[in-house]
Amino acid sequence: MPKVESFQEGPIEGVAFRPLSCHEDRRGWLVELYRDDELPADQRPAMVYVSETLPGVTRGPHEHVDQTDYFAFVGPGDFQLWLWDARPDSPTQGHCSRTIVGQSNRQCVVVPPGVVHAYRNAGSTPGWVFNAPNRLYAGSGKQQPVDEIRHEDRPDSPYRMT
């Protein structure tokens, strides 16, 4: 299968954005990140983690062979999220998208296997990202290979964050 060398802006098959509702009262706010009745069984989380990314720092681009990521961008901070569809059997192969997500645009984003993804903290303060992937990192007991293909150090990478 030929590799995609350039991408065009457009929707990506299998990627789902879901706006997150923020319920506020005098105590603060609450956002439901995940509900079992809102996800297909093959996308339901196997684990959950939160990461902090410093201002201007980028994570990715990388992709997974089997893992679906279920990101929740709620703040603090905003992130620029890039997605590239390099899957040879996808009807949207060659598409890419760039979206601001986070405190100003609370979103859950489902990223299926084979969709290359990266995000950069676009703010001036540390930002948080929650992820609830449907696979355990390094498998049960952390005894298996990590399901990740990294592209960030490839000088010839077609995954450009511009």
Protein backbone atom coordinates (compact mmCIF):
# COMPACT_ATOMS: atom_id res chain seq x y z
CA MET A 1 0.00 0.00 0.00
CA PRO A 2 1.40 3.43 -0.89
CA LYS A 3 2.06 5.86 1.94
CA VAL A 4 0.37 9.23 1.99
CA GLU A 5 2.89 12.00 1.36
CA SER A 6 0.56 15.00 1.52
CA PHE A 7 -2.76 15.72 3.18
CA GLN A 8 -5.81 17.86 2.46
CA GLU A 9 -8.08 19.49 5.03
CA GLY A 10 -11.22 17.46 5.62
CA PRO A 11 -13.20 15.17 7.93
CA ILE A 12 -11.65 11.86 8.99
CA GLU A 13 -13.69 8.66 9.00
CA GLY A 14 -14.08 7.20 12.50
CA VAL A 15 -12.93 10.31 14.37
CA ALA A 16 -15.72 11.60 16.58
CA PHE A 17 -15.92 14.91 18.40
CA ARG A 18 -18.47 15.25 21.19
CA PRO A 19 -18.97 18.60 22.90
CA LEU A 20 -18.72 18.33 26.66
CA SER A 21 -21.45 19.95 28.72
CA CYS A 22 -20.28 21.92 31.71
CA HIS A 23 -22.68 21.99 34.66
CA GLU A 24 -21.86 24.95 36.90
CA ASP A 25 -23.20 26.05 40.24
CA ARG A 26 -21.98 28.01 43.26
CA ARG A 27 -19.50 25.22 44.15
CA GLY A 28 -17.74 25.10 40.77
CA TRP A 29 -18.35 22.89 37.75
CA LEU A 30 -18.69 19.25 36.64
CA VAL A 31 -18.14 17.71 33.20
CA GLU A 32 -19.01 14.08 32.41
CA LEU A 33 -16.02 12.72 30.47
CA TYR A 34 -17.32 9.23 29.78
CA ARG A 35 -20.60 7.34 30.00
CA ASP A 36 -20.86 3.63 29.27
CA ASP A 37 -24.14 4.19 27.41
CA GLU A 38 -22.53 6.64 24.94
CA LEU A 39 -19.71 4.52 23.50
CA PRO A 40 -19.65 1.33 21.44
CA ALA A 41 -18.22 -1.66 23.32
CA ASP A 42 -14.96 -1.70 21.30
CA GLN A 43 -14.22 1.92 22.31
CA ARG A 44 -14.90 1.61 26.04
CA PRO A 45 -11.93 2.53 28.24
CA ALA A 46 -9.53 -0.03 29.71
CA MET A 47 -7.69 2.63 31.72
CA VAL A 48 -7.74 6.40 32.31
CA TYR A 49 -4.92 8.87 32.79
CA VAL A 50 -4.36 12.61 32.90
CA SER A 51 -1.28 14.35 31.54
CA GLU A 52 -0.03 17.89 31.99
CA THR A 53 1.58 19.62 29.02
CA LEU A 54 3.60 22.79 29.45
CA PRO A 55 2.97 25.90 27.29
CA GLY A 56 4.22 25.54 23.73
CA VAL A 57 5.01 21.81 24.13
CA THR A 58 3.80 19.31 21.52
CA ARG A 59 2.98 15.65 22.11
CA GLY A 60 3.13 13.53 18.96
CA PRO A 61 2.63 12.99 16.15
CA HIS A 62 2.12 9.29 16.72
CA GLU A 63 -0.43 6.57 15.97
CA HIS A 64 -1.60 3.24 17.33
CA VAL A 65 -2.07 -0.09 15.56
CA ASP A 66 -4.90 -1.44 17.75
CA GLN A 67 -5.68 1.23 20.34
CA THR A 68 -8.51 3.76 20.17
CA ASP A 69 -7.81 6.91 22.17
CA TYR A 70 -10.68 8.68 23.92
CA PHE A 71 -9.34 12.13 24.75
CA ALA A 72 -11.14 14.67 26.94
CA PHE A 73 -9.95 18.26 26.58
CA VAL A 74 -11.63 20.27 29.36
CA GLY A 75 -8.97 22.72 30.57
CA PRO A 76 -7.16 24.28 32.08
CA GLY A 77 -5.77 25.65 28.87
CA ASP A 78 -6.38 25.19 25.16
CA PHE A 79 -4.67 22.82 22.76
CA GLN A 80 -4.23 22.76 19.03
CA LEU A 81 -5.13 19.20 17.95
CA TRP A 82 -3.92 17.77 14.61
CA LEU A 83 -5.26 14.58 13.02
CA TRP A 84 -4.06 12.86 9.83
CA ASP A 85 -5.74 9.88 8.15
CA ALA A 86 -3.00 7.65 6.72
CA ARG A 87 -5.06 4.43 6.83
CA PRO A 88 -4.86 2.69 3.43
CA ASP A 89 -8.43 1.33 3.64
CA SER A 90 -10.09 4.54 4.84
CA PRO A 91 -12.49 6.53 2.63
CA THR A 92 -10.90 9.69 4.07
CA GLN A 93 -7.27 8.66 3.55
CA GLY A 94 -5.17 11.77 2.96
CA HIS A 95 -7.42 14.05 5.02
CA CYS A 96 -6.18 16.10 7.95
CA SER A 97 -7.77 18.40 10.46
CA ARG A 98 -6.69 20.99 12.99
CA THR A 99 -8.96 22.05 15.85
CA ILE A 100 -8.65 24.14 19.01
CA VAL A 101 -9.91 22.10 21.97
CA GLY A 102 -9.79 22.63 25.71
CA GLN A 103 -11.10 25.23 28.10
CA SER A 104 -12.61 27.40 25.33
CA ASN A 105 -14.01 24.39 23.39
CA ARG A 106 -14.53 21.41 25.72
CA GLN A 107 -14.52 18.24 23.62
CA CYS A 108 -14.15 14.50 23.79
CA VAL A 109 -12.33 13.21 20.73
CA VAL A 110 -12.32 9.55 19.67
CA VAL A 111 -9.18 8.75 17.65
CA PRO A 112 -9.30 5.31 16.00
CA PRO A 113 -6.25 3.11 15.30
CA GLY A 114 -4.15 4.32 12.37
CA VAL A 115 -5.13 7.98 12.67
CA VAL A 116 -1.95 9.94 13.39
CA HIS A 117 -2.47 12.56 16.09
CA ALA A 118 -0.62 15.33 17.91
CA TYR A 119 -1.51 18.21 20.18
CA ARG A 120 0.27 21.36 21.36
CA ASN A 121 -0.47 23.47 24.40
CA ALA A 122 -1.53 26.74 22.77
CA GLY A 123 -1.80 28.69 26.02
CA SER A 124 0.50 30.37 28.51
CA THR A 125 -0.15 28.02 31.45
CA PRO A 126 0.17 24.24 31.87
CA GLY A 127 -2.79 22.37 30.37
CA TRP A 128 -4.38 19.02 31.18
CA VAL A 129 -5.52 16.24 28.87
CA PHE A 130 -7.44 13.16 29.98
CA ASN A 131 -7.23 9.96 27.96
CA ALA A 132 -9.27 6.78 28.39
CA PRO A 133 -7.85 4.37 25.77
CA ASN A 134 -9.52 1.03 25.09
CA ARG A 135 -6.23 -0.85 25.61
CA LEU A 136 -3.89 -1.06 28.59
CA TYR A 137 -0.55 0.70 28.16
CA ALA A 138 2.02 -2.09 27.57
CA GLY A 139 -0.70 -4.71 28.15
CA SER A 140 -1.64 -6.54 31.31
CA GLY A 141 1.04 -6.08 33.97
CA LYS A 142 2.95 -3.85 31.51
CA GLN A 143 4.47 -6.99 29.97
CA GLN A 144 3.74 -6.41 26.26
CA PRO A 145 5.11 -4.06 23.60
CA VAL A 146 3.68 -0.54 23.61
CA ASP A 147 1.17 0.01 20.79
CA GLU A 148 2.65 3.23 19.43
CA ILE A 149 4.32 4.32 16.21
CA ARG A 150 6.16 7.61 16.76
CA HIS A 151 6.71 10.11 13.96
CA GLU A 152 8.01 13.16 15.84
CA ASP A 153 11.71 12.50 15.23
CA ARG A 154 11.42 11.58 11.53
CA PRO A 155 12.91 14.40 9.42
CA ASP A 156 10.92 13.18 6.39
CA SER A 157 7.60 12.99 8.24
CA PRO A 158 4.56 14.17 6.25
CA TYR A 159 2.81 15.01 9.55
CA ARG A 160 3.47 18.73 9.75
CA MET A 161 2.01 20.93 12.47
CA THR A 162 1.64 24.23 10.68
